[in-house]
N, C-alpha and C. Protein backbone atom coordinates (compact mmCIF):
# COMPACT_ATOMS: atom_id res chain seq x y z
N MET A 1 -96.38 -39.96 48.17
CA MET A 1 -96.45 -40.49 46.58
C MET A 1 -96.01 -42.24 46.76
N ARG A 2 -95.32 -42.18 47.80
CA ARG A 2 -94.51 -43.71 48.05
C ARG A 2 -96.15 -44.45 48.67
N THR A 3 -96.96 -43.94 49.38
CA THR A 3 -97.98 -45.10 49.70
C THR A 3 -98.87 -45.37 48.29
N ILE A 4 -99.01 -44.33 47.40
CA ILE A 4 -99.84 -44.83 46.12
C ILE A 4 -98.77 -45.85 45.30
N ILE A 5 -97.53 -45.88 45.24
CA ILE A 5 -96.59 -46.66 44.60
C ILE A 5 -96.52 -48.12 45.07
N ARG A 6 -96.53 -48.05 46.34
CA ARG A 6 -97.00 -49.00 46.86
C ARG A 6 -98.00 -49.95 46.93
N PHE A 7 -99.11 -49.05 46.93
CA PHE A 7 -100.49 -49.83 46.59
C PHE A 7 -100.76 -50.26 45.16
N LEU A 8 -100.18 -49.50 44.04
CA LEU A 8 -100.40 -50.01 42.82
C LEU A 8 -99.47 -51.03 43.05
N GLY A 9 -98.25 -51.29 43.37
CA GLY A 9 -97.21 -52.17 43.03
C GLY A 9 -97.95 -53.51 43.75
N SER A 10 -98.40 -53.75 45.12
CA SER A 10 -98.99 -54.52 45.56
C SER A 10 -100.34 -55.04 44.82
N ALA A 11 -101.17 -54.27 44.11
CA ALA A 11 -101.82 -54.90 43.56
C ALA A 11 -101.44 -55.47 41.93
N MET A 12 -100.39 -54.84 41.69
CA MET A 12 -99.77 -55.72 40.40
C MET A 12 -99.01 -57.26 40.78
N ILE A 13 -98.68 -57.24 42.06
CA ILE A 13 -98.22 -58.30 42.92
C ILE A 13 -99.11 -59.21 42.83
N VAL A 14 -100.27 -59.03 43.34
CA VAL A 14 -101.62 -59.74 43.51
C VAL A 14 -101.70 -60.62 42.11
N MET A 15 -101.77 -59.59 41.11
CA MET A 15 -102.16 -60.03 40.12
C MET A 15 -101.05 -60.77 39.59
N LEU A 16 -99.81 -60.87 39.78
CA LEU A 16 -99.10 -61.79 39.33
C LEU A 16 -98.76 -63.05 39.80
N LEU A 17 -99.33 -63.13 41.25
CA LEU A 17 -99.48 -64.46 41.97
C LEU A 17 -100.82 -65.15 41.48
N SER A 18 -101.65 -64.60 41.33
CA SER A 18 -102.97 -65.29 40.96
C SER A 18 -102.46 -65.92 39.58
N LYS A 19 -101.51 -65.41 38.66
CA LYS A 19 -101.29 -66.23 37.49
C LYS A 19 -99.99 -67.13 37.87
N ILE A 20 -99.51 -67.14 38.93
CA ILE A 20 -98.34 -68.20 39.30
C ILE A 20 -98.97 -68.96 39.77
N ILE A 21 -99.62 -68.95 41.06
CA ILE A 21 -100.11 -69.87 41.75
C ILE A 21 -101.60 -70.67 41.46
N PRO A 22 -101.22 -72.03 41.49
CA PRO A 22 -102.65 -72.61 41.05
C PRO A 22 -103.56 -72.38 42.60
N GLY A 23 -104.84 -72.04 42.20
CA GLY A 23 -105.70 -72.54 43.20
C GLY A 23 -106.14 -70.90 43.36
N VAL A 24 -105.35 -69.83 42.82
CA VAL A 24 -105.56 -68.63 43.12
C VAL A 24 -106.00 -68.00 41.82
N SER A 25 -106.99 -66.88 42.06
CA SER A 25 -107.51 -66.50 40.68
C SER A 25 -108.18 -64.85 41.33
N ILE A 26 -107.82 -64.00 40.67
CA ILE A 26 -108.31 -62.75 40.36
C ILE A 26 -108.86 -62.41 39.46
N SER A 27 -110.39 -61.82 39.34
CA SER A 27 -110.87 -61.31 37.88
C SER A 27 -110.30 -59.81 37.20
N GLY A 28 -109.67 -59.08 37.76
CA GLY A 28 -109.04 -58.03 37.19
C GLY A 28 -108.50 -56.84 38.05
N PHE A 29 -108.02 -55.95 37.38
CA PHE A 29 -107.09 -55.07 38.14
C PHE A 29 -107.98 -54.37 39.39
N TRP A 30 -108.87 -53.90 39.11
CA TRP A 30 -109.75 -53.17 40.16
C TRP A 30 -110.44 -54.43 41.25
N SER A 31 -110.20 -55.43 41.19
CA SER A 31 -110.43 -56.44 42.22
C SER A 31 -109.10 -56.52 43.04
N ALA A 32 -108.09 -56.41 42.01
CA ALA A 32 -106.61 -56.42 43.15
C ALA A 32 -106.53 -55.38 43.54
N MET A 33 -107.12 -53.89 43.28
CA MET A 33 -107.00 -52.91 44.05
C MET A 33 -107.86 -53.03 45.34
N ILE A 34 -108.98 -53.10 45.16
CA ILE A 34 -109.71 -53.91 46.40
C ILE A 34 -109.43 -54.70 47.21
N LEU A 35 -108.46 -55.58 46.95
CA LEU A 35 -107.81 -57.06 47.71
C LEU A 35 -106.91 -56.36 48.65
N VAL A 36 -106.23 -55.23 48.15
CA VAL A 36 -105.29 -54.88 48.77
C VAL A 36 -105.68 -53.86 49.95
N PHE A 37 -106.40 -53.23 49.41
CA PHE A 37 -107.31 -52.62 50.31
C PHE A 37 -107.74 -53.33 51.81
N VAL A 38 -108.96 -54.33 51.49
CA VAL A 38 -108.89 -55.18 52.31
C VAL A 38 -107.98 -55.84 52.93
N LEU A 39 -106.79 -56.64 52.44
CA LEU A 39 -106.08 -57.07 52.95
C LEU A 39 -104.81 -56.28 54.20
N ALA A 40 -105.02 -55.07 53.99
CA ALA A 40 -104.45 -53.84 54.93
C ALA A 40 -105.57 -53.60 55.96
N LEU A 41 -106.52 -53.69 55.70
CA LEU A 41 -107.51 -53.67 57.04
C LEU A 41 -107.69 -54.54 57.68
N LEU A 42 -107.97 -55.89 57.19
CA LEU A 42 -107.94 -57.08 57.82
C LEU A 42 -106.44 -57.43 58.83
N ASN A 43 -105.29 -57.09 58.03
CA ASN A 43 -104.00 -56.61 58.95
C ASN A 43 -103.98 -56.12 59.78
N THR A 44 -104.67 -54.72 59.87
CA THR A 44 -104.50 -53.74 60.78
C THR A 44 -105.41 -54.38 62.22
N ILE A 45 -106.63 -54.73 61.70
CA ILE A 45 -107.77 -54.64 62.51
C ILE A 45 -107.95 -56.25 62.94
N VAL A 46 -107.84 -57.29 62.35
CA VAL A 46 -108.30 -58.75 62.40
C VAL A 46 -106.77 -59.66 62.91
N LYS A 47 -106.16 -59.27 62.49
CA LYS A 47 -104.49 -60.02 62.51
C LYS A 47 -104.27 -60.11 63.96
N PRO A 48 -104.08 -58.73 64.48
CA PRO A 48 -103.59 -58.50 65.77
C PRO A 48 -104.37 -59.12 66.97
N LEU A 49 -105.70 -59.68 66.52
CA LEU A 49 -106.76 -60.03 67.59
C LEU A 49 -106.40 -61.70 67.66
N LEU A 50 -106.07 -62.24 66.38
CA LEU A 50 -106.07 -63.28 66.33
C LEU A 50 -104.64 -64.00 66.98
N ILE A 51 -103.54 -63.02 66.50
CA ILE A 51 -102.08 -63.27 67.19
C ILE A 51 -102.53 -63.13 68.60
N LEU A 52 -103.43 -62.33 69.30
CA LEU A 52 -103.42 -62.22 70.83
C LEU A 52 -104.41 -63.72 71.49
N PHE A 53 -105.07 -64.07 70.37
CA PHE A 53 -105.91 -65.35 71.07
C PHE A 53 -105.30 -66.57 71.15
N THR A 54 -104.11 -66.41 69.80
CA THR A 54 -103.40 -67.80 69.77
C THR A 54 -102.12 -67.94 70.54
N ILE A 55 -101.73 -66.59 71.11
CA ILE A 55 -100.38 -66.65 72.00
C ILE A 55 -99.72 -67.97 72.45
N PRO A 56 -100.43 -68.94 73.04
CA PRO A 56 -100.05 -70.45 73.62
C PRO A 56 -99.83 -71.30 72.43
N VAL A 57 -100.57 -71.11 71.34
CA VAL A 57 -100.33 -72.15 70.36
C VAL A 57 -99.19 -71.57 69.50
N THR A 58 -99.07 -70.44 69.14
CA THR A 58 -97.91 -69.70 68.82
C THR A 58 -96.65 -69.91 69.14
N PHE A 59 -96.59 -69.41 70.62
CA PHE A 59 -95.39 -69.85 71.54
C PHE A 59 -94.86 -71.51 71.73
N PHE A 60 -95.95 -72.32 71.52
CA PHE A 60 -95.75 -73.68 71.23
C PHE A 60 -95.29 -74.35 70.01
N THR A 61 -95.57 -73.42 69.02
CA THR A 61 -95.12 -74.30 67.54
C THR A 61 -93.67 -73.17 67.37
N LEU A 62 -93.59 -72.22 68.26
CA LEU A 62 -91.84 -71.44 67.85
C LEU A 62 -92.34 -70.42 66.66
N GLY A 63 -93.82 -69.92 66.83
CA GLY A 63 -94.23 -68.80 65.63
C GLY A 63 -94.56 -69.55 64.49
N LEU A 64 -94.41 -70.69 64.28
CA LEU A 64 -94.93 -71.32 62.92
C LEU A 64 -96.56 -70.93 62.75
N PHE A 65 -97.08 -70.73 63.95
CA PHE A 65 -98.43 -70.77 63.94
C PHE A 65 -98.94 -69.56 63.06
N LEU A 66 -98.13 -68.77 62.96
CA LEU A 66 -98.36 -67.24 62.58
C LEU A 66 -98.40 -67.45 61.13
N LEU A 67 -97.90 -68.60 60.31
CA LEU A 67 -98.16 -68.81 58.99
C LEU A 67 -99.64 -69.31 58.94
N VAL A 68 -100.06 -69.86 59.59
CA VAL A 68 -101.56 -70.11 59.37
C VAL A 68 -102.52 -69.17 59.58
N ILE A 69 -101.87 -67.97 60.77
CA ILE A 69 -102.98 -66.74 60.80
C ILE A 69 -103.05 -66.19 59.44
N ASN A 70 -101.56 -66.13 58.43
CA ASN A 70 -101.41 -65.06 57.44
C ASN A 70 -102.63 -65.98 56.30
N ALA A 71 -102.51 -67.09 56.45
CA ALA A 71 -103.05 -67.99 55.23
C ALA A 71 -104.90 -67.73 55.63
N ALA A 72 -105.09 -67.56 57.19
CA ALA A 72 -106.47 -67.45 57.74
C ALA A 72 -107.09 -66.23 56.94
N ILE A 73 -106.10 -65.31 57.22
CA ILE A 73 -106.21 -63.58 56.76
C ILE A 73 -106.49 -63.65 55.08
N ILE A 74 -106.13 -64.56 54.20
CA ILE A 74 -106.37 -64.42 52.82
C ILE A 74 -107.17 -65.02 52.65
N ILE A 75 -107.74 -66.24 53.09
CA ILE A 75 -108.91 -66.81 53.18
C ILE A 75 -110.24 -65.97 53.52
N MET A 76 -110.30 -65.20 54.49
CA MET A 76 -111.29 -63.95 55.00
C MET A 76 -111.11 -63.02 53.81
N ALA A 77 -110.01 -62.46 53.23
CA ALA A 77 -110.25 -61.63 52.11
C ALA A 77 -110.73 -62.36 51.16
N SER A 78 -110.59 -63.41 50.76
CA SER A 78 -111.17 -64.26 49.60
C SER A 78 -112.71 -64.02 49.54
N LYS A 79 -113.37 -64.25 51.28
CA LYS A 79 -114.70 -64.33 51.33
C LYS A 79 -115.29 -63.08 51.23
N LEU A 80 -114.68 -61.76 51.35
CA LEU A 80 -114.91 -60.59 51.50
C LEU A 80 -114.79 -59.94 49.82
N VAL A 81 -113.97 -60.17 49.04
CA VAL A 81 -113.92 -59.73 48.12
C VAL A 81 -114.13 -60.53 46.66
N ASP A 82 -115.16 -59.53 46.06
CA ASP A 82 -115.81 -60.67 44.87
C ASP A 82 -114.71 -60.52 43.41
N GLY A 83 -114.35 -61.54 43.20
CA GLY A 83 -113.49 -61.62 41.85
C GLY A 83 -112.34 -62.20 42.53
N PHE A 84 -111.84 -62.22 43.72
CA PHE A 84 -110.92 -63.09 44.13
C PHE A 84 -111.01 -64.56 45.16
N ILE A 85 -110.63 -65.67 44.45
CA ILE A 85 -110.72 -67.08 44.93
C ILE A 85 -109.69 -67.25 45.34
N VAL A 86 -109.61 -68.47 46.18
CA VAL A 86 -108.72 -69.08 46.97
C VAL A 86 -109.06 -70.43 47.00
N GLU A 87 -108.61 -71.43 46.57
CA GLU A 87 -109.26 -72.90 46.69
C GLU A 87 -108.86 -73.54 47.46
N GLY A 88 -108.24 -73.08 48.84
CA GLY A 88 -107.97 -73.99 50.10
C GLY A 88 -106.51 -73.33 50.77
N PHE A 89 -106.43 -74.05 52.00
CA PHE A 89 -105.38 -73.43 52.73
C PHE A 89 -104.03 -73.29 51.94
N TRP A 90 -103.50 -74.34 51.16
CA TRP A 90 -101.72 -74.51 50.57
C TRP A 90 -101.74 -73.24 49.72
N PRO A 91 -102.81 -73.01 48.80
CA PRO A 91 -102.74 -71.88 47.96
C PRO A 91 -102.84 -70.46 48.80
N ALA A 92 -103.55 -70.48 49.67
CA ALA A 92 -103.55 -69.27 50.58
C ALA A 92 -102.18 -69.11 50.91
N LEU A 93 -101.40 -69.95 51.81
CA LEU A 93 -100.54 -70.28 52.57
C LEU A 93 -99.38 -69.78 51.38
N TRP A 94 -99.29 -70.56 50.16
CA TRP A 94 -98.09 -69.96 49.10
C TRP A 94 -98.23 -68.43 49.13
N PHE A 95 -99.86 -68.22 48.79
CA PHE A 95 -99.91 -66.64 48.23
C PHE A 95 -99.66 -65.69 49.44
N SER A 96 -100.03 -66.13 50.71
CA SER A 96 -99.26 -65.07 51.74
C SER A 96 -97.80 -64.87 51.96
N LEU A 97 -97.48 -66.13 51.64
CA LEU A 97 -95.69 -65.78 51.72
C LEU A 97 -95.23 -65.08 50.34
N LEU A 98 -95.55 -65.69 49.59
CA LEU A 98 -95.40 -64.73 48.17
C LEU A 98 -95.36 -63.32 48.07
N ASN A 99 -96.45 -63.05 48.43
CA ASN A 99 -97.10 -61.52 49.08
C ASN A 99 -96.21 -60.54 49.62
N ALA A 100 -96.16 -61.34 50.76
CA ALA A 100 -95.34 -60.61 51.90
C ALA A 100 -94.00 -60.35 51.15
N ALA A 101 -93.17 -61.16 50.70
CA ALA A 101 -91.67 -61.17 50.02
C ALA A 101 -91.61 -60.35 49.00
N ALA A 102 -92.53 -60.17 48.12
CA ALA A 102 -92.76 -59.26 46.98
C ALA A 102 -93.10 -57.80 47.51
N ASN A 103 -93.80 -57.76 48.59
CA ASN A 103 -94.42 -56.32 49.18
C ASN A 103 -93.02 -55.94 49.90
N SER A 104 -92.45 -56.95 50.46
CA SER A 104 -91.29 -56.03 51.52
C SER A 104 -90.00 -55.72 50.36
N VAL A 105 -90.00 -55.98 48.95
CA VAL A 105 -88.79 -55.75 48.32
C VAL A 105 -89.51 -54.56 47.23
N ILE A 106 -90.55 -54.18 47.45
CA ILE A 106 -91.61 -52.46 46.86
C ILE A 106 -91.20 -51.76 48.00
N ASN A 107 -91.34 -52.44 49.01
CA ASN A 107 -91.13 -51.53 49.95
C ASN A 107 -89.60 -51.24 50.51
N LYS A 108 -88.79 -51.76 50.14
CA LYS A 108 -87.44 -51.56 50.22
C LYS A 108 -86.99 -50.52 49.04
N MET A 109 -87.53 -51.08 47.96
CA MET A 109 -87.50 -49.79 46.91
C MET A 109 -87.76 -48.58 46.88
N THR A 110 -89.01 -48.15 47.60
CA THR A 110 -89.46 -47.08 47.65
C THR A 110 -89.17 -46.30 48.89
N GLU A 111 -88.22 -46.85 49.64
CA GLU A 111 -87.95 -46.18 50.86
C GLU A 111 -86.74 -45.62 50.55
N GLY A 112 -86.36 -44.53 51.27
CA GLY A 112 -85.04 -43.62 50.87
C GLY A 112 -85.30 -42.30 51.39
N THR A 113 -84.79 -41.42 50.65
CA THR A 113 -84.92 -40.27 51.28
C THR A 113 -86.09 -39.75 51.11
N LYS A 114 -86.53 -39.03 51.89
CA LYS A 114 -88.19 -38.40 51.75
C LYS A 114 -87.69 -36.95 50.88
N SER A 115 -88.89 -36.98 50.23
CA SER A 115 -88.97 -35.88 49.08
C SER A 115 -89.92 -34.64 49.51
N THR A 116 -89.62 -33.67 49.34
CA THR A 116 -90.65 -32.37 49.71
C THR A 116 -91.86 -32.10 49.48
N ILE A 117 -92.10 -33.13 48.54
CA ILE A 117 -93.75 -33.18 48.36
C ILE A 117 -94.59 -34.29 49.55
N GLU A 118 -94.09 -35.20 50.00
CA GLU A 118 -94.77 -35.83 50.94
C GLU A 118 -94.75 -34.90 52.28
């Protein structure tokens, strides 16, 4: 049940961020749901590979290059999901930062005692 709540919460966050951040737009709730799924896949498969290949740069920048990787993941997702448009690096960076912060709040709110249903 927590996974469904987190998934729906993430989709609502994506819709809210598309209204707040200039240069980011999403066409509707179903596009947001697809985007959350695609972001989960990209963060699971592509992001670790990017981190592995950019270890020297990440080390040299004291980890700040990870922000560039996060923005690149958002730009990749915008290429894969119809209805999700990101108009450049800076909107992608802001989107990734605010999305991560909001999702951490949702994850903190939904953690707690385990129910017997799960």
